[in-house]
PDB file of N, CA and C in Angstrom:
ATOM      1  N   MET A   1     109.723 116.392  92.090  1.00  0.00           N
ATOM      2  CA  MET A   1     108.252 116.011  92.854  1.00  0.00           C
ATOM      3  C   MET A   1     108.961 115.352  94.062  1.00  0.00           C
ATOM      4  N   LEU A   2     108.722 116.452  94.753  1.00  0.00           N
ATOM      5  CA  LEU A   2     109.351 116.356  96.319  1.00  0.00           C
ATOM      6  C   LEU A   2     108.125 116.174  96.935  1.00  0.00           C
ATOM      7  N   LEU A   3     108.163 114.727  98.216  1.00  0.00           N
ATOM      8  CA  LEU A   3     107.095 114.355  98.764  1.00  0.00           C
ATOM      9  C   LEU A   3     107.228 114.846 100.505  1.00  0.00           C
ATOM     10  N   SER A   4     106.330 115.163 100.866  1.00  0.00           N
ATOM     11  CA  SER A   4     106.824 115.654 102.393  1.00  0.00           C
ATOM     12  C   SER A   4     106.138 115.031 103.368  1.00  0.00           C
ATOM     13  N   VAL A   5     106.484 114.536 104.526  1.00  0.00           N
ATOM     14  CA  VAL A   5     105.133 114.549 105.743  1.00  0.00           C
ATOM     15  C   VAL A   5     105.976 115.522 106.721  1.00  0.00           C
ATOM     16  N   SER A   6     104.148 115.655 107.527  1.00  0.00           N
ATOM     17  CA  SER A   6     104.371 116.005 108.772  1.00  0.00           C
ATOM     18  C   SER A   6     103.355 115.258 110.264  1.00  0.00           C
ATOM     19  N   ALA A   7     104.136 116.009 111.030  1.00  0.00           N
ATOM     20  CA  ALA A   7     103.909 115.196 112.205  1.00  0.00           C
ATOM     21  C   ALA A   7     101.670 116.015 112.542  1.00  0.00           C
ATOM     22  N   ASP A   8     102.222 117.548 111.528  1.00  0.00           N
ATOM     23  CA  ASP A   8     100.445 117.864 111.883  1.00  0.00           C
ATOM     24  C   ASP A   8      99.451 117.256 110.530  1.00  0.00           C
ATOM     25  N   THR A   9      99.922 116.074 110.612  1.00  0.00           N
ATOM     26  CA  THR A   9      98.844 114.701 110.038  1.00  0.00           C
ATOM     27  C   THR A   9      99.284 114.839 108.488  1.00  0.00           C
ATOM     28  N   SER A  10      99.380 115.820 107.552  1.00  0.00           N
ATOM     29  CA  SER A  10      99.562 116.538 106.435  1.00  0.00           C
ATOM     30  C   SER A  10     101.057 114.965 105.356  1.00  0.00           C
ATOM     31  N   VAL A  11     100.372 115.241 104.676  1.00  0.00           N
ATOM     32  CA  VAL A  11     101.112 114.069 103.234  1.00  0.00           C
ATOM     33  C   VAL A  11     100.872 115.392 102.439  1.00  0.00           C
ATOM     34  N   LYS A  12     102.243 115.620 101.320  1.00  0.00           N
ATOM     35  CA  LYS A  12     102.324 116.177 101.055  1.00  0.00           C
ATOM     36  C   LYS A  12     103.143 116.168  99.518  1.00  0.00           C
ATOM     37  N   LEU A  13     102.791 116.632  97.891  1.00  0.00           N
ATOM     38  CA  LEU A  13     103.372 116.017  96.887  1.00  0.00           C
ATOM     39  C   LEU A  13     103.334 118.186  96.281  1.00  0.00           C
ATOM     40  N   TRP A  14     104.619 118.127  96.435  1.00  0.00           N
ATOM     41  CA  TRP A  14     105.253 119.838  95.786  1.00  0.00           C
ATOM     42  C   TRP A  14     105.662 118.973  94.185  1.00  0.00           C
ATOM     43  N   LYS A  15     105.685 119.902  93.451  1.00  0.00           N
ATOM     44  CA  LYS A  15     106.363 120.384  92.210  1.00  0.00           C
ATOM     45  C   LYS A  15     107.660 121.433  92.184  1.00  0.00           C
ATOM     46  N   SER A  16     108.306 121.407  91.423  1.00  0.00           N
ATOM     47  CA  SER A  16     109.922 122.289  91.896  1.00  0.00           C
ATOM     48  C   SER A  16     109.845 123.112  90.468  1.00  0.00           C
ATOM     49  N   PHE A  17     110.693 124.529  90.815  1.00  0.00           N
ATOM     50  CA  PHE A  17     110.001 125.086  89.518  1.00  0.00           C
ATOM     51  C   PHE A  17     111.371 125.796  89.094  1.00  0.00           C
ATOM     52  N   ASP A  18     111.645 126.893  88.542  1.00  0.00           N
ATOM     53  CA  ASP A  18     112.610 128.054  88.137  1.00  0.00           C
ATOM     54  C   ASP A  18     111.892 129.047  88.782  1.00  0.00           C
ATOM     55  N   TYR A  19     112.530 129.649  90.665  1.00  0.00           N
ATOM     56  CA  TYR A  19     112.340 130.668  91.188  1.00  0.00           C
ATOM     57  C   TYR A  19     113.069 131.743  90.863  1.00  0.00           C
ATOM     58  N   THR A  20     111.940 132.813  90.133  1.00  0.00           N
ATOM     59  CA  THR A  20     112.328 133.808  90.379  1.00  0.00           C
ATOM     60  C   THR A  20     111.686 134.859  91.304  1.00  0.00           C
ATOM     61  N   PRO A  21     113.078 135.986  92.395  1.00  0.00           N
ATOM     62  CA  PRO A  21     111.735 137.190  93.523  1.00  0.00           C
ATOM     63  C   PRO A  21     110.046 137.168  92.593  1.00  0.00           C
ATOM     64  N   ASP A  22     110.622 137.598  91.677  1.00  0.00           N
ATOM     65  CA  ASP A  22     109.454 138.553  91.419  1.00  0.00           C
ATOM     66  C   ASP A  22     108.054 137.789  91.078  1.00  0.00           C
ATOM     67  N   SER A  23     108.661 135.879  90.771  1.00  0.00           N
ATOM     68  CA  SER A  23     107.423 134.977  90.252  1.00  0.00           C
ATOM     69  C   SER A  23     105.991 135.736  90.976  1.00  0.00           C
ATOM     70  N   PHE A  24     106.033 135.770  92.545  1.00  0.00           N
ATOM     71  CA  PHE A  24     105.170 135.601  93.705  1.00  0.00           C
ATOM     72  C   PHE A  24     104.681 136.828  93.901  1.00  0.00           C
ATOM     73  N   GLU A  25     103.448 137.279  94.311  1.00  0.00           N
ATOM     74  CA  GLU A  25     103.031 138.419  95.152  1.00  0.00           C
ATOM     75  C   GLU A  25     103.446 137.881  96.831  1.00  0.00           C
ATOM     76  N   ASN A  26     102.739 136.433  96.507  1.00  0.00           N
ATOM     77  CA  ASN A  26     103.060 135.932  98.473  1.00  0.00           C
ATOM     78  C   ASN A  26     103.167 134.743  98.626  1.00  0.00           C
ATOM     79  N   ALA A  27     103.285 134.356  99.440  1.00  0.00           N
ATOM     80  CA  ALA A  27     103.813 133.136  99.899  1.00  0.00           C
ATOM     81  C   ALA A  27     102.702 132.310  99.554  1.00  0.00           C
ATOM     82  N   ASP A  28     101.240 132.274  99.499  1.00  0.00           N
ATOM     83  CA  ASP A  28      99.731 131.925  99.294  1.00  0.00           C
ATOM     84  C   ASP A  28      99.625 131.519  97.651  1.00  0.00           C
ATOM     85  N   GLN A  29     100.308 132.285  96.741  1.00  0.00           N
ATOM     86  CA  GLN A  29     100.543 132.172  95.300  1.00  0.00           C
ATOM     87  C   GLN A  29     101.267 130.894  95.322  1.00  0.00           C
ATOM     88  N   PHE A  30     102.922 131.174  96.312  1.00  0.00           N
ATOM     89  CA  PHE A  30     104.173 130.521  95.855  1.00  0.00           C
ATOM     90  C   PHE A  30     102.988 128.612  96.436  1.00  0.00           C
ATOM     91  N   THR A  31     102.864 128.917  97.349  1.00  0.00           N
ATOM     92  CA  THR A  31     102.871 127.549  98.174  1.00  0.00           C
ATOM     93  C   THR A  31     101.165 126.865  97.328  1.00  0.00           C
ATOM     94  N   ASN A  32     100.650 128.184  96.425  1.00  0.00           N
ATOM     95  CA  ASN A  32      99.405 127.515  95.891  1.00  0.00           C
ATOM     96  C   ASN A  32      99.828 126.746  94.223  1.00  0.00           C
ATOM     97  N   HIS A  33     100.837 127.161  93.942  1.00  0.00           N
ATOM     98  CA  HIS A  33     101.526 127.213  92.212  1.00  0.00           C
ATOM     99  C   HIS A  33     102.393 126.153  92.560  1.00  0.00           C
ATOM    100  N   CYS A  34     103.297 125.590  94.071  1.00  0.00           N
ATOM    101  CA  CYS A  34     103.775 124.150  94.023  1.00  0.00           C
ATOM    102  C   CYS A  34     103.378 122.808  94.598  1.00  0.00           C
ATOM    103  N   LEU A  35     101.755 123.368  95.670  1.00  0.00           N
ATOM    104  CA  LEU A  35     101.415 122.050  95.651  1.00  0.00           C
ATOM    105  C   LEU A  35     100.764 121.312  94.292  1.00  0.00           C
ATOM    106  N   MET A  36     101.014 120.163  94.553  1.00  0.00           N
ATOM    107  CA  MET A  36     100.984 118.947  93.570  1.00  0.00           C
ATOM    108  C   MET A  36      99.473 118.315  94.036  1.00  0.00           C
ATOM    109  N   GLY A  37      99.628 117.700  95.390  1.00  0.00           N
ATOM    110  CA  GLY A  37      98.161 117.339  95.802  1.00  0.00           C
ATOM    111  C   GLY A  37      98.727 116.713  98.024  1.00  0.00           C
ATOM    112  N   SER A  38      97.384 116.046  98.406  1.00  0.00           N
ATOM    113  CA  SER A  38      97.749 116.151  99.363  1.00  0.00           C
ATOM    114  C   SER A  38      96.443 114.332  99.609  1.00  0.00           C
ATOM    115  N   PHE A  39      97.899 113.917 100.942  1.00  0.00           N
ATOM    116  CA  PHE A  39      97.666 112.684 100.731  1.00  0.00           C
ATOM    117  C   PHE A  39      96.726 112.564 102.627  1.00  0.00           C
ATOM    118  N   VAL A  40      95.640 112.035 102.509  1.00  0.00           N
ATOM    119  CA  VAL A  40      94.972 112.038 104.254  1.00  0.00           C
ATOM    120  C   VAL A  40      94.491 110.632 104.224  1.00  0.00           C
ATOM    121  N   LYS A  41      94.387 110.098 105.474  1.00  0.00           N
ATOM    122  CA  LYS A  41      94.031 108.968 106.094  1.00  0.00           C
ATOM    123  C   LYS A  41      93.491 108.795 106.969  1.00  0.00           C
ATOM    124  N   LYS A  42      92.300 108.440 107.235  1.00  0.00           N
ATOM    125  CA  LYS A  42      91.304 109.002 108.448  1.00  0.00           C
ATOM    126  C   LYS A  42      91.547 108.300 109.027  1.00  0.00           C
ATOM    127  N   ARG A  43      91.727 106.943 110.870  1.00  0.00           N
ATOM    128  CA  ARG A  43      90.667 106.500 111.076  1.00  0.00           C
ATOM    129  C   ARG A  43      88.949 106.434 110.910  1.00  0.00           C
ATOM    130  N   ASP A  44      88.961 104.863 112.186  1.00  0.00           N
ATOM    131  CA  ASP A  44      87.082 105.403 111.587  1.00  0.00           C
ATOM    132  C   ASP A  44      86.735 106.432 112.814  1.00  0.00           C
ATOM    133  N   SER A  45      87.499 107.009 114.138  1.00  0.00           N
ATOM    134  CA  SER A  45      86.899 108.164 114.933  1.00  0.00           C
ATOM    135  C   SER A  45      86.640 109.220 113.729  1.00  0.00           C
ATOM    136  N   GLY A  46      87.408 109.339 112.581  1.00  0.00           N
ATOM    137  CA  GLY A  46      87.007 110.618 112.147  1.00  0.00           C
ATOM    138  C   GLY A  46      88.858 111.478 112.222  1.00  0.00           C
ATOM    139  N   LEU A  47      89.766 111.097 113.230  1.00  0.00           N
ATOM    140  CA  LEU A  47      90.950 111.850 113.089  1.00  0.00           C
ATOM    141  C   LEU A  47      91.548 111.171 111.956  1.00  0.00           C
ATOM    142  N   GLN A  48      92.889 111.715 112.017  1.00  0.00           N
ATOM    143  CA  GLN A  48      93.478 111.275 110.874  1.00  0.00           C
ATOM    144  C   GLN A  48      94.974 111.004 111.453  1.00  0.00           C
ATOM    145  N   GLU A  49      95.461 110.597 110.446  1.00  0.00           N
ATOM    146  CA  GLU A  49      97.084 109.537 111.401  1.00  0.00           C
ATOM    147  C   GLU A  49      97.589 110.254 110.690  1.00  0.00           C
ATOM    148  N   VAL A  50      98.562 110.314 112.008  1.00  0.00           N
ATOM    149  CA  VAL A  50     100.363 110.825 111.628  1.00  0.00           C
ATOM    150  C   VAL A  50     101.089 110.458 110.782  1.00  0.00           C
ATOM    151  N   PRO A  51     101.699 110.815 110.404  1.00  0.00           N
ATOM    152  CA  PRO A  51     102.863 109.975 109.341  1.00  0.00           C
ATOM    153  C   PRO A  51     103.654 109.945 109.585  1.00  0.00           C
ATOM    154  N   THR A  52     104.998 109.079 109.365  1.00  0.00           N
ATOM    155  CA  THR A  52     106.140 108.889 109.823  1.00  0.00           C
ATOM    156  C   THR A  52     106.745 108.412 108.372  1.00  0.00           C
ATOM    157  N   SER A  53     106.843 108.096 107.448  1.00  0.00           N
ATOM    158  CA  SER A  53     107.279 108.892 106.342  1.00  0.00           C
ATOM    159  C   SER A  53     106.349 107.266 104.978  1.00  0.00           C
ATOM    160  N   ALA A  54     107.118 108.474 103.636  1.00  0.00           N
ATOM    161  CA  ALA A  54     106.442 108.600 102.797  1.00  0.00           C
ATOM    162  C   ALA A  54     107.385 108.101 101.556  1.00  0.00           C
ATOM    163  N   SER A  55     107.195 107.148 100.263  1.00  0.00           N
ATOM    164  CA  SER A  55     107.633 106.885  99.893  1.00  0.00           C
ATOM    165  C   SER A  55     107.500 106.865  97.559  1.00  0.00           C
ATOM    166  N   TRP A  56     107.931 106.260  97.174  1.00  0.00           N
ATOM    167  CA  TRP A  56     107.143 106.297  95.616  1.00  0.00           C
ATOM    168  C   TRP A  56     107.209 104.426  96.010  1.00  0.00           C
ATOM    169  N   VAL A  57     106.738 104.309  95.094  1.00  0.00           N
ATOM    170  CA  VAL A  57     106.823 102.361  95.208  1.00  0.00           C
ATOM    171  C   VAL A  57     107.042 103.086  93.107  1.00  0.00           C
ATOM    172  N   PRO A  58     108.317 102.111  93.806  1.00  0.00           N
ATOM    173  CA  PRO A  58     109.255 101.703  91.498  1.00  0.00           C
ATOM    174  C   PRO A  58     108.902 101.650  91.286  1.00  0.00           C
ATOM    175  N   SER A  59     107.978 100.359  91.240  1.00  0.00           N
ATOM    176  CA  SER A  59     107.366  99.584  89.946  1.00  0.00           C
ATOM    177  C   SER A  59     106.092 100.764  89.613  1.00  0.00           C
ATOM    178  N   HIS A  60     105.557 101.454  90.077  1.00  0.00           N
ATOM    179  CA  HIS A  60     104.363 101.392  89.274  1.00  0.00           C
ATOM    180  C   HIS A  60     104.511 103.515  90.140  1.00  0.00           C
ATOM    181  N   PRO A  61     105.431 103.711  89.050  1.00  0.00           N
ATOM    182  CA  PRO A  61     105.787 105.823  89.872  1.00  0.00           C
ATOM    183  C   PRO A  61     104.658 106.435  89.594  1.00  0.00           C
ATOM    184  N   ASN A  62     102.828 105.731  89.650  1.00  0.00           N
ATOM    185  CA  ASN A  62     101.601 107.072  89.969  1.00  0.00           C
ATOM    186  C   ASN A  62     101.313 106.205  92.017  1.00  0.00           C
ATOM    187  N   MET A  63     101.788 105.923  91.774  1.00  0.00           N
ATOM    188  CA  MET A  63     101.750 104.968  93.546  1.00  0.00           C
ATOM    189  C   MET A  63     102.791 105.315  94.937  1.00  0.00           C
ATOM    190  N   LEU A  64     102.243 105.764  96.201  1.00  0.00           N
ATOM    191  CA  LEU A  64     102.694 106.364  96.837  1.00  0.00           C
ATOM    192  C   LEU A  64     102.568 105.584  98.305  1.00  0.00           C
ATOM    193  N   VAL A  65     104.040 104.862  98.998  1.00  0.00           N
ATOM    194  CA  VAL A  65     103.449 104.694 100.167  1.00  0.00           C
ATOM    195  C   VAL A  65     103.452 105.081 101.250  1.00  0.00           C
ATOM    196  N   ILE A  66     102.921 104.945 101.870  1.00  0.00           N
ATOM    197  CA  ILE A  66     103.076 106.228 102.873  1.00  0.00           C
ATOM    198  C   ILE A  66     102.792 105.262 104.616  1.00  0.00           C
ATOM    199  N   SER A  67     103.260 105.649 105.454  1.00  0.00           N
ATOM    200  CA  SER A  67     103.444 105.053 107.046  1.00  0.00           C
ATOM    201  C   SER A  67     103.050 105.574 107.970  1.00  0.00           C
ATOM    202  N   TYR A  68     102.962 105.147 108.938  1.00  0.00           N
ATOM    203  CA  TYR A  68     102.021 106.111 109.717  1.00  0.00           C
ATOM    204  C   TYR A  68     102.247 105.507 111.977  1.00  0.00           C
ATOM    205  N   LYS A  69     101.905 106.674 112.499  1.00  0.00           N
ATOM    206  CA  LYS A  69     102.456 106.325 113.924  1.00  0.00           C
ATOM    207  C   LYS A  69     102.332 105.267 113.790  1.00  0.00           C
ATOM    208  N   ASN A  70     100.937 104.882 113.975  1.00  0.00           N
ATOM    209  CA  ASN A  70     100.096 103.673 114.599  1.00  0.00           C
ATOM    210  C   ASN A  70     100.155 103.175 113.363  1.00  0.00           C
ATOM    211  N   PRO A  71     100.929 101.554 113.506  1.00  0.00           N
ATOM    212  CA  PRO A  71     101.503 100.240 112.893  1.00  0.00           C
ATOM    213  C   PRO A  71     100.806 100.725 111.562  1.00  0.00           C
ATOM    214  N   LEU A  72     100.788 101.232 110.398  1.00  0.00           N
ATOM    215  CA  LEU A  72     100.065 101.289 109.353  1.00  0.00           C
ATOM    216  C   LEU A  72     100.880 101.542 108.124  1.00  0.00           C
ATOM    217  N   PHE A  73     100.274 100.152 106.919  1.00  0.00           N
ATOM    218  CA  PHE A  73     101.249 100.993 105.371  1.00  0.00           C
ATOM    219  C   PHE A  73      99.968 101.738 104.544  1.00  0.00           C
ATOM    220  N   CYS A  74      99.633 102.566 103.799  1.00  0.00           N
ATOM    221  CA  CYS A  74      98.805 102.987 103.304  1.00  0.00           C
ATOM    222  C   CYS A  74      99.162 102.909 101.340  1.00  0.00           C
ATOM    223  N   LEU A  75      98.660 102.867 100.797  1.00  0.00           N
ATOM    224  CA  LEU A  75      99.317 103.152  99.264  1.00  0.00           C
ATOM    225  C   LEU A  75      97.873 103.595  98.691  1.00  0.00           C
ATOM    226  N   PHE A  76      98.506 104.801  98.146  1.00  0.00           N
ATOM    227  CA  PHE A  76      97.978 105.714  97.243  1.00  0.00           C
ATOM    228  C   PHE A  76      98.026 106.572  96.266  1.00  0.00           C
ATOM    229  N   ASP A  77      96.986 106.732  95.107  1.00  0.00           N
ATOM    230  CA  ASP A  77      97.615 106.773  93.584  1.00  0.00           C
ATOM    231  C   ASP A  77      97.747 108.194  93.892  1.00  0.00           C
ATOM    232  N   ARG A  78      99.435 108.694  93.305  1.00  0.00           N
ATOM    233  CA  ARG A  78      99.316 109.767  92.868  1.00  0.00           C
ATOM    234  C   ARG A  78      98.036 110.706  91.940  1.00  0.00           C
ATOM    235  N   VAL A  79      97.960 110.321  91.261  1.00  0.00           N
ATOM    236  CA  VAL A  79      96.571 110.995  90.284  1.00  0.00           C
ATOM    237  C   VAL A  79      95.787 111.528  90.935  1.00  0.00           C
ATOM    238  N   THR A  80      95.179 110.521  91.339  1.00  0.00           N
ATOM    239  CA  THR A  80      93.758 111.203  92.015  1.00  0.00           C
ATOM    240  C   THR A  80      93.632 111.063  93.643  1.00  0.00           C
ATOM    241  N   GLY A  81      94.541 111.372  94.038  1.00  0.00           N
ATOM    242  CA  GLY A  81      94.437 110.840  95.641  1.00  0.00           C
ATOM    243  C   GLY A  81      94.352 110.278  96.695  1.00  0.00           C
ATOM    244  N   ARG A  82      93.673 109.021  96.431  1.00  0.00           N
ATOM    245  CA  ARG A  82      92.545 108.711  96.944  1.00  0.00           C
ATOM    246  C   ARG A  82      93.474 106.837  97.125  1.00  0.00           C
ATOM    247  N   SER A  83      93.368 106.688  98.756  1.00  0.00           N
ATOM    248  CA  SER A  83      93.830 104.895  99.007  1.00  0.00           C
ATOM    249  C   SER A  83      93.680 104.195  98.371  1.00  0.00           C
ATOM    250  N   LYS A  84      95.070 103.187  97.540  1.00  0.00           N
ATOM    251  CA  LYS A  84      94.149 101.938  96.964  1.00  0.00           C
ATOM    252  C   LYS A  84      94.271 100.908  97.773  1.00  0.00           C
ATOM    253  N   GLY A  85      94.511 100.868  99.346  1.00  0.00           N
ATOM    254  CA  GLY A  85      94.310  99.885 100.368  1.00  0.00           C
ATOM    255  C   GLY A  85      95.448 100.554 101.232  1.00  0.00           C
ATOM    256  N   HIS A  86      95.259  99.098 102.474  1.00  0.00           N
ATOM    257  CA  HIS A  86      96.124  99.519 103.330  1.00  0.00           C
ATOM    258  C   HIS A  86      96.512  98.145 104.084  1.00  0.00           C
ATOM    259  N   VAL A  87      97.603  98.529 105.281  1.00  0.00           N
ATOM    260  CA  VAL A  87      98.489  97.173 105.561  1.00  0.00           C
ATOM    261  C   VAL A  87      97.677  97.560 107.334  1.00  0.00           C
ATOM    262  N   LYS A  88      97.273  97.395 108.373  1.00  0.00           N
ATOM    263  CA  LYS A  88      97.594  97.320 109.489  1.00  0.00           C
ATOM    264  C   LYS A  88      98.354  95.946 110.263  1.00  0.00           C
ATOM    265  N   ILE A  89      99.572  96.543 110.507  1.00  0.00           N
ATOM    266  CA  ILE A  89     100.708  95.539 111.236  1.00  0.00           C
ATOM    267  C   ILE A  89      99.956  95.285 112.760  1.00  0.00           C
ATOM    268  N   ASP A  90      99.795  93.914 113.284  1.00  0.00           N
ATOM    269  CA  ASP A  90      99.796  93.999 114.838  1.00  0.00           C
ATOM    270  C   ASP A  90     101.085  93.381 115.404  1.00  0.00           C
ATOM    271  N   THR A  91     101.620  94.796 116.557  1.00  0.00           N
ATOM    272  CA  THR A  91     102.162  94.590 117.293  1.00  0.00           C
ATOM    273  C   THR A  91     101.879  93.672 119.019  1.00  0.00           C
ATOM    274  N   ASP A  92     102.876  93.002 119.738  1.00  0.00           N
ATOM    275  CA  ASP A  92     102.830  92.437 120.926  1.00  0.00           C
ATOM    276  C   ASP A  92     103.604  93.206 121.804  1.00  0.00           C
ATOM    277  N   PRO A  93     102.895  93.740 122.852  1.00  0.00           N
ATOM    278  CA  PRO A  93     103.117  95.085 123.731  1.00  0.00           C
ATOM    279  C   PRO A  93     103.778  94.514 124.366  1.00  0.00           C
TER     280      PRO A  93
END
């Protein structure tokens, strides 16, 4: 599995497989086959947070921790895609 983050606010979990040129008719079929889940954290205003990194939680294989540009860390359940909590970090300007 591959966990990716992007400045477009997306955090996605992908599965790998053996690819052959005739496996898919187009890129959308390929994406739909490989994408296992998306993880989104929204602010109270409804805007999505911009992720900066993501990692597995070693002691809990179904949990992911995602950090965001706004000093924030969120814990997500890989199976349900739901947030399990977050930590906001206060910074001194």
